[in-house]
C-alpha atoms as a PDB file:
ATOM      1  CA  MET A   1     136.714  97.429 127.651  1.00  0.00           C
ATOM      2  CA  GLU A   2     134.621  94.273 127.327  1.00  0.00           C
ATOM      3  CA  GLN A   3     135.306  94.060 123.575  1.00  0.00           C
ATOM      4  CA  ARG A   4     139.062  94.439 124.165  1.00  0.00           C
ATOM      5  CA  GLU A   5     139.059  91.596 126.706  1.00  0.00           C
ATOM      6  CA  ARG A   6     137.130  89.358 124.318  1.00  0.00           C
ATOM      7  CA  SER A   7     139.558  90.173 121.488  1.00  0.00           C
ATOM      8  CA  LEU A   8     142.527  88.967 123.635  1.00  0.00           C
ATOM      9  CA  VAL A   9     140.975  85.549 124.214  1.00  0.00           C
ATOM     10  CA  PRO A  10     142.410  83.961 120.976  1.00  0.00           C
ATOM     11  CA  ILE A  11     145.921  85.153 121.884  1.00  0.00           C
ATOM     12  CA  ALA A  12     145.689  83.657 125.354  1.00  0.00           C
ATOM     13  CA  VAL A  13     144.444  80.338 123.938  1.00  0.00           C
ATOM     14  CA  LEU A  14     147.216  80.073 121.352  1.00  0.00           C
ATOM     15  CA  LEU A  15     149.913  81.038 123.850  1.00  0.00           C
ATOM     16  CA  GLY A  16     148.566  78.373 126.151  1.00  0.00           C
ATOM     17  CA  VAL A  17     148.841  75.801 123.367  1.00  0.00           C
ATOM     18  CA  LEU A  18     152.444  76.875 122.738  1.00  0.00           C
ATOM     19  CA  ALA A  19     153.271  76.586 126.430  1.00  0.00           C
ATOM     20  CA  ALA A  20     151.776  73.098 126.531  1.00  0.00           C
ATOM     21  CA  MET A  21     153.943  72.051 123.600  1.00  0.00           C
ATOM     22  CA  LEU A  22     157.044  73.374 125.305  1.00  0.00           C
ATOM     23  CA  PHE A  23     156.445  71.478 128.519  1.00  0.00           C
ATOM     24  CA  ALA A  24     155.008  68.276 127.029  1.00  0.00           C
ATOM     25  CA  VAL A  25     158.403  66.617 126.395  1.00  0.00           C
ATOM     26  CA  SER A  26     160.006  67.424 129.766  1.00  0.00           C
ATOM     27  CA  PRO A  27     158.522  69.517 132.510  1.00  0.00           C
ATOM     28  CA  GLY A  28     159.817  72.827 133.792  1.00  0.00           C
ATOM     29  CA  ARG A  29     163.488  73.728 133.822  1.00  0.00           C
ATOM     30  CA  GLU A  30     164.653  70.445 132.248  1.00  0.00           C
ATOM     31  CA  MET A  31     162.889  71.409 129.024  1.00  0.00           C
ATOM     32  CA  LEU A  32     164.583  74.813 128.980  1.00  0.00           C
ATOM     33  CA  ASP A  33     167.985  73.267 129.640  1.00  0.00           C
ATOM     34  CA  TRP A  34     167.420  70.783 126.873  1.00  0.00           C
ATOM     35  CA  LEU A  35     166.561  73.504 124.391  1.00  0.00           C
ATOM     36  CA  GLY A  36     169.642  75.459 125.443  1.00  0.00           C
ATOM     37  CA  LYS A  37     172.081  72.758 124.282  1.00  0.00           C
ATOM     38  CA  PRO A  38     173.873  73.505 120.980  1.00  0.00           C
ATOM     39  CA  ASP A  39     172.834  70.142 119.557  1.00  0.00           C
ATOM     40  CA  ASN A  40     169.167  71.132 119.971  1.00  0.00           C
ATOM     41  CA  ALA A  41     169.464  74.601 118.427  1.00  0.00           C
ATOM     42  CA  ALA A  42     167.540  73.539 115.305  1.00  0.00           C
ATOM     43  CA  VAL A  43     164.644  72.304 117.437  1.00  0.00           C
ATOM     44  CA  ALA A  44     164.657  75.531 119.448  1.00  0.00           C
ATOM     45  CA  GLN A  45     164.612  77.582 116.247  1.00  0.00           C
ATOM     46  CA  ALA A  46     161.739  75.492 114.889  1.00  0.00           C
ATOM     47  CA  ILE A  47     159.744  75.975 118.063  1.00  0.00           C
ATOM     48  CA  GLY A  48     160.486  79.710 117.938  1.00  0.00           C
ATOM     49  CA  ALA A  49     159.301  79.871 114.329  1.00  0.00           C
ATOM     50  CA  ILE A  50     156.140  78.001 115.251  1.00  0.00           C
ATOM     51  CA  GLY A  51     155.596  80.410 118.109  1.00  0.00           C
ATOM     52  CA  GLN A  52     155.949  83.389 115.773  1.00  0.00           C
ATOM     53  CA  LEU A  53     153.479  81.851 113.348  1.00  0.00           C
ATOM     54  CA  LEU A  54     151.031  81.187 116.152  1.00  0.00           C
ATOM     55  CA  PHE A  55     151.448  84.731 117.427  1.00  0.00           C
ATOM     56  CA  ALA A  56     150.881  86.134 113.921  1.00  0.00           C
ATOM     57  CA  ALA A  57     147.785  83.941 113.547  1.00  0.00           C
ATOM     58  CA  ALA A  58     146.492  85.113 116.920  1.00  0.00           C
ATOM     59  CA  LEU A  59     147.091  88.732 115.954  1.00  0.00           C
ATOM     60  CA  PHE A  60     145.230  88.198 112.681  1.00  0.00           C
ATOM     61  CA  VAL A  61     142.293  86.560 114.447  1.00  0.00           C
ATOM     62  CA  THR A  62     142.248  89.358 117.016  1.00  0.00           C
ATOM     63  CA  THR A  63     142.190  91.994 114.265  1.00  0.00           C
ATOM     64  CA  VAL A  64     139.349  90.241 112.445  1.00  0.00           C
ATOM     65  CA  VAL A  65     137.321  89.861 115.644  1.00  0.00           C
ATOM     66  CA  THR A  66     137.921  93.504 116.584  1.00  0.00           C
ATOM     67  CA  ILE A  67     136.771  94.723 113.155  1.00  0.00           C
ATOM     68  CA  TRP A  68     133.702  92.485 113.322  1.00  0.00           C
ATOM     69  CA  LEU A  69     132.801  93.747 116.793  1.00  0.00           C
ATOM     70  CA  ALA A  70     133.283  97.373 115.674  1.00  0.00           C
ATOM     71  CA  ARG A  71     130.987  96.874 112.686  1.00  0.00           C
ATOM     72  CA  ARG A  72     128.366  95.150 114.784  1.00  0.00           C
ATOM     73  CA  THR A  73     128.504  97.986 117.323  1.00  0.00           C
ATOM     74  CA  ALA A  74     128.180 100.549 114.516  1.00  0.00           C
ATOM     75  CA  ASN A  75     125.157  98.703 113.088  1.00  0.00           C
ATOM     76  CA  GLU A  76     123.500  98.522 116.491  1.00  0.00           C
ATOM     77  CA  THR A  77     124.214 102.217 117.067  1.00  0.00           C
ATOM     78  CA  GLY A  78     122.736 103.071 113.664  1.00  0.00           C
ATOM     79  CA  LYS A  79     119.616 101.024 114.395  1.00  0.00           C
ATOM     80  CA  ALA A  80     119.226 102.734 117.760  1.00  0.00           C
ATOM     81  CA  ALA A  81     119.600 106.166 116.136  1.00  0.00           C
ATOM     82  CA  THR A  82     117.001 105.276 113.500  1.00  0.00           C
ATOM     83  CA  ALA A  83     114.586 104.036 116.158  1.00  0.00           C
ATOM     84  CA  THR A  84     115.082 107.243 118.153  1.00  0.00           C
ATOM     85  CA  ARG A  85     114.491 109.413 115.080  1.00  0.00           C
ATOM     86  CA  ASP A  86     111.341 107.462 114.196  1.00  0.00           C
ATOM     87  CA  ALA A  87     110.075 107.837 117.765  1.00  0.00           C
ATOM     88  CA  VAL A  88     110.630 111.607 117.647  1.00  0.00           C
ATOM     89  CA  ILE A  89     108.825 111.891 114.302  1.00  0.00           C
ATOM     90  CA  GLU A  90     105.916 109.833 115.597  1.00  0.00           C
ATOM     91  CA  ALA A  91     105.696 111.961 118.754  1.00  0.00           C
ATOM     92  CA  GLN A  92     105.626 115.135 116.628  1.00  0.00           C
ATOM     93  CA  ARG A  93     102.929 113.659 114.390  1.00  0.00           C
ATOM     94  CA  GLN A  94     100.789 112.718 117.388  1.00  0.00           C
ATOM     95  CA  ARG A  95     101.266 116.187 118.865  1.00  0.00           C
ATOM     96  CA  LEU A  96     100.115 117.866 115.646  1.00  0.00           C
ATOM     97  CA  ASP A  97      97.242 115.427 115.097  1.00  0.00           C
ATOM     98  CA  GLY A  98      96.119 116.028 118.671  1.00  0.00           C
ATOM     99  CA  ALA A  99      95.662 119.736 117.934  1.00  0.00           C
ATOM    100  CA  ARG A 100      94.228 119.537 114.413  1.00  0.00           C
ATOM    101  CA  PRO A 101      90.882 121.243 113.767  1.00  0.00           C
ATOM    102  CA  ILE A 102      88.554 119.808 111.108  1.00  0.00           C
ATOM    103  CA  LEU A 103      85.654 122.029 110.054  1.00  0.00           C
ATOM    104  CA  VAL A 104      82.691 120.658 108.125  1.00  0.00           C
ATOM    105  CA  PHE A 105      79.614 122.300 106.633  1.00  0.00           C
ATOM    106  CA  GLU A 106      76.376 121.264 108.330  1.00  0.00           C
ATOM    107  CA  MET A 107      73.005 122.414 106.997  1.00  0.00           C
ATOM    108  CA  THR A 108      70.564 123.736 109.558  1.00  0.00           C
ATOM    109  CA  GLU A 109      67.228 125.563 109.769  1.00  0.00           C
ATOM    110  CA  HIS A 110      67.101 129.118 108.479  1.00  0.00           C
ATOM    111  CA  SER A 111      66.340 131.903 110.952  1.00  0.00           C
ATOM    112  CA  GLY A 112      62.958 132.343 109.262  1.00  0.00           C
ATOM    113  CA  GLY A 113      62.019 128.817 110.291  1.00  0.00           C
ATOM    114  CA  SER A 114      62.383 127.340 106.840  1.00  0.00           C
ATOM    115  CA  GLY A 115      64.639 124.577 105.643  1.00  0.00           C
ATOM    116  CA  PRO A 116      67.695 125.117 103.460  1.00  0.00           C
ATOM    117  CA  ARG A 117      66.237 126.582 100.264  1.00  0.00           C
ATOM    118  CA  PRO A 118      68.450 127.699  97.374  1.00  0.00           C
ATOM    119  CA  ASP A 119      67.592 131.323  98.189  1.00  0.00           C
ATOM    120  CA  ALA A 120      67.925 130.956 101.990  1.00  0.00           C
ATOM    121  CA  VAL A 121      70.849 128.882 103.188  1.00  0.00           C
ATOM    122  CA  ALA A 122      71.780 128.412 106.831  1.00  0.00           C
ATOM    123  CA  PHE A 123      74.613 126.214 107.958  1.00  0.00           C
ATOM    124  CA  HIS A 124      76.928 125.495 110.843  1.00  0.00           C
ATOM    125  CA  ALA A 125      80.700 125.463 110.676  1.00  0.00           C
ATOM    126  CA  ARG A 126      81.192 122.460 112.975  1.00  0.00           C
ATOM    127  CA  ASN A 127      84.591 121.485 114.354  1.00  0.00           C
ATOM    128  CA  ILE A 128      84.854 117.694 114.438  1.00  0.00           C
ATOM    129  CA  GLY A 129      88.625 117.781 115.004  1.00  0.00           C
ATOM    130  CA  SER A 130      90.676 117.523 118.175  1.00  0.00           C
ATOM    131  CA  GLY A 131      91.921 121.122 118.406  1.00  0.00           C
ATOM    132  CA  PRO A 132      90.438 124.626 118.128  1.00  0.00           C
ATOM    133  CA  ALA A 133      90.066 126.334 114.754  1.00  0.00           C
ATOM    134  CA  LEU A 134      91.521 129.847 114.867  1.00  0.00           C
ATOM    135  CA  ASN A 135      91.090 132.832 112.530  1.00  0.00           C
ATOM    136  CA  LEU A 136      88.166 131.248 110.695  1.00  0.00           C
ATOM    137  CA  THR A 137      86.917 133.113 107.611  1.00  0.00           C
ATOM    138  CA  ILE A 138      84.475 131.967 104.926  1.00  0.00           C
ATOM    139  CA  THR A 139      84.265 132.952 101.270  1.00  0.00           C
ATOM    140  CA  LEU A 140      81.693 132.194  98.574  1.00  0.00           C
ATOM    141  CA  ARG A 141      82.948 131.789  95.016  1.00  0.00           C
ATOM    142  CA  ASP A 142      80.969 131.759  91.754  1.00  0.00           C
ATOM    143  CA  PRO A 143      77.516 132.276  93.272  1.00  0.00           C
ATOM    144  CA  ALA A 144      74.660 131.388  90.920  1.00  0.00           C
ATOM    145  CA  LEU A 145      72.293 133.781  92.717  1.00  0.00           C
ATOM    146  CA  PRO A 146      72.889 137.270  94.182  1.00  0.00           C
ATOM    147  CA  TYR A 147      73.560 136.012  97.702  1.00  0.00           C
ATOM    148  CA  HIS A 148      74.303 138.202 100.699  1.00  0.00           C
ATOM    149  CA  TRP A 149      75.400 137.291 104.203  1.00  0.00           C
ATOM    150  CA  LYS A 150      72.862 137.894 106.971  1.00  0.00           C
ATOM    151  CA  ASN A 151      74.142 140.508 109.405  1.00  0.00           C
ATOM    152  CA  PHE A 152      72.583 138.970 112.505  1.00  0.00           C
ATOM    153  CA  ALA A 153      74.517 135.719 112.047  1.00  0.00           C
ATOM    154  CA  GLN A 154      78.262 135.226 112.364  1.00  0.00           C
ATOM    155  CA  SER A 155      80.160 137.492 109.958  1.00  0.00           C
ATOM    156  CA  PRO A 156      82.127 135.392 107.442  1.00  0.00           C
ATOM    157  CA  SER A 157      84.879 137.999 107.083  1.00  0.00           C
ATOM    158  CA  LEU A 158      85.435 138.499 110.820  1.00  0.00           C
ATOM    159  CA  PRO A 159      88.015 135.964 112.090  1.00  0.00           C
ATOM    160  CA  ALA A 160      86.340 133.572 114.499  1.00  0.00           C
ATOM    161  CA  ILE A 161      87.337 130.761 116.831  1.00  0.00           C
ATOM    162  CA  VAL A 162      85.592 127.384 116.891  1.00  0.00           C
ATOM    163  CA  ALA A 163      86.560 125.090 119.765  1.00  0.00           C
ATOM    164  CA  ALA A 164      86.765 121.335 119.237  1.00  0.00           C
ATOM    165  CA  GLY A 165      83.227 119.936 119.225  1.00  0.00           C
ATOM    166  CA  ASP A 166      81.697 123.431 118.908  1.00  0.00           C
ATOM    167  CA  ARG A 167      79.996 125.184 115.948  1.00  0.00           C
ATOM    168  CA  LEU A 168      79.127 128.609 114.541  1.00  0.00           C
ATOM    169  CA  LYS A 169      76.070 129.507 112.503  1.00  0.00           C
ATOM    170  CA  TYR A 170      76.165 131.366 109.181  1.00  0.00           C
ATOM    171  CA  GLU A 171      73.303 132.404 106.916  1.00  0.00           C
ATOM    172  CA  LEU A 172      73.084 133.323 103.246  1.00  0.00           C
ATOM    173  CA  GLY A 173      70.119 135.093 101.744  1.00  0.00           C
ATOM    174  CA  GLY A 174      69.241 135.407  98.078  1.00  0.00           C
ATOM    175  CA  GLN A 175      66.510 136.554  95.750  1.00  0.00           C
ATOM    176  CA  ARG A 176      63.224 134.973  96.699  1.00  0.00           C
ATOM    177  CA  ASN A 177      62.313 132.224  94.240  1.00  0.00           C
ATOM    178  CA  GLY A 178      65.369 133.193  92.223  1.00  0.00           C
ATOM    179  CA  ARG A 179      65.796 131.157  89.069  1.00  0.00           C
ATOM    180  CA  LEU A 180      69.049 129.787  87.763  1.00  0.00           C
ATOM    181  CA  PRO A 181      70.014 130.666  84.190  1.00  0.00           C
ATOM    182  CA  ASP A 182      69.014 128.069  81.613  1.00  0.00           C
ATOM    183  CA  GLY A 183      71.611 125.357  81.259  1.00  0.00           C
ATOM    184  CA  HIS A 184      73.292 126.277  84.536  1.00  0.00           C
ATOM    185  CA  SER A 185      74.670 123.418  86.629  1.00  0.00           C
ATOM    186  CA  PRO A 186      72.934 122.653  89.933  1.00  0.00           C
ATOM    187  CA  CYS A 187      75.930 124.150  91.772  1.00  0.00           C
ATOM    188  CA  LEU A 188      74.898 127.365  93.533  1.00  0.00           C
ATOM    189  CA  GLY A 189      78.482 128.295  94.479  1.00  0.00           C
ATOM    190  CA  THR A 190      81.541 127.040  96.345  1.00  0.00           C
ATOM    191  CA  LEU A 191      82.134 127.811 100.002  1.00  0.00           C
ATOM    192  CA  THR A 192      85.629 127.801 101.480  1.00  0.00           C
ATOM    193  CA  MET A 193      86.483 127.895 105.172  1.00  0.00           C
ATOM    194  CA  THR A 194      90.061 128.955 105.972  1.00  0.00           C
ATOM    195  CA  TYR A 195      91.395 128.510 109.505  1.00  0.00           C
ATOM    196  CA  ASP A 196      94.543 127.857 111.583  1.00  0.00           C
ATOM    197  CA  ASP A 197      95.527 125.512 114.362  1.00  0.00           C
ATOM    198  CA  ILE A 198      97.392 126.496 117.540  1.00  0.00           C
ATOM    199  CA  TYR A 199     100.744 125.788 115.837  1.00  0.00           C
ATOM    200  CA  GLY A 200     100.080 128.192 112.972  1.00  0.00           C
ATOM    201  CA  ARG A 201      99.293 125.594 110.317  1.00  0.00           C
ATOM    202  CA  ARG A 202      96.594 126.728 107.891  1.00  0.00           C
ATOM    203  CA  PHE A 203      93.744 124.558 106.669  1.00  0.00           C
ATOM    204  CA  THR A 204      90.860 124.850 104.227  1.00  0.00           C
ATOM    205  CA  SER A 205      87.525 123.062 104.027  1.00  0.00           C
ATOM    206  CA  VAL A 206      85.813 123.403 100.643  1.00  0.00           C
ATOM    207  CA  ALA A 207      82.335 122.257  99.634  1.00  0.00           C
ATOM    208  CA  ALA A 208      79.937 122.983  96.781  1.00  0.00           C
ATOM    209  CA  LEU A 209      76.456 124.277  97.569  1.00  0.00           C
ATOM    210  CA  ASN A 210      74.114 122.335  95.300  1.00  0.00           C
ATOM    211  CA  MET A 211      70.467 122.704  94.395  1.00  0.00           C
ATOM    212  CA  ILE A 212      68.989 119.271  95.045  1.00  0.00           C
ATOM    213  CA  HIS A 213      65.466 120.465  94.222  1.00  0.00           C
ATOM    214  CA  PRO A 214      64.067 123.891  93.297  1.00  0.00           C
ATOM    215  CA  SER A 215      63.049 124.229  96.944  1.00  0.00           C
ATOM    216  CA  TYR A 216      65.950 122.427  98.611  1.00  0.00           C
ATOM    217  CA  ALA A 217      69.744 122.892  98.728  1.00  0.00           C
ATOM    218  CA  ASP A 218      72.530 120.944 100.367  1.00  0.00           C
ATOM    219  CA  PHE A 219      76.314 120.687 100.459  1.00  0.00           C
ATOM    220  CA  GLY A 220      78.389 118.258  98.480  1.00  0.00           C
ATOM    221  CA  PRO A 221      81.374 116.366  99.934  1.00  0.00           C
ATOM    222  CA  THR A 222      83.891 118.499 101.820  1.00  0.00           C
ATOM    223  CA  THR A 223      87.522 118.584 100.709  1.00  0.00           C
ATOM    224  CA  PHE A 224      90.142 119.199 103.391  1.00  0.00           C
ATOM    225  CA  THR A 225      93.562 120.674 102.644  1.00  0.00           C
ATOM    226  CA  ILE A 226      96.592 121.602 104.755  1.00  0.00           C
ATOM    227  CA  ILE A 227      98.324 124.772 103.539  1.00  0.00           C
ATOM    228  CA  GLU A 228     101.913 124.551 104.757  1.00  0.00           C
END
């Protein structure tokens, strides 16, 4: 309604100009009587033609202004829709990030009281994320020694839950003073933790177990992946 009223402003202005021209020579009824005389028919026709031109010009201006206002409104509506969509996407991202678990490997003391040796590895699966890790399982690939999981620690194949800020302990045992084959890399194997968040997204944390020294082992950098 406001746009329509603004679009009629040029018409009102031009009609006002025309009215002023009509009444400038002689006010009121005298002007109309003068135009009605046969001798002044040419002048009346000229004024009528001018009025038609002014009306056509006003209509053109009104059309242009209306189109411009419609385009501006469409642009503003599009910008508002884009801003709303971006806000929704950002809210969804924050909601997912607020529930994301992040599990890391953390070396710890073996149950026998020893440090992390290549043949006796103990570690925590620590959740440093903001949401619980569900259905956690751990696998060991390409072991360099005949490792076995200690039964009295957390079972790697039994799905577990690790709350945000919490941890679970796992232990690997191997052949005492086991020796790596000649020419073998210092990598003792690759451990993978697979787990879910509360929205069903699946994640993995992967790290290599490396022999730093014949009597000491530690994890390499952890790689995090989201499995959609």
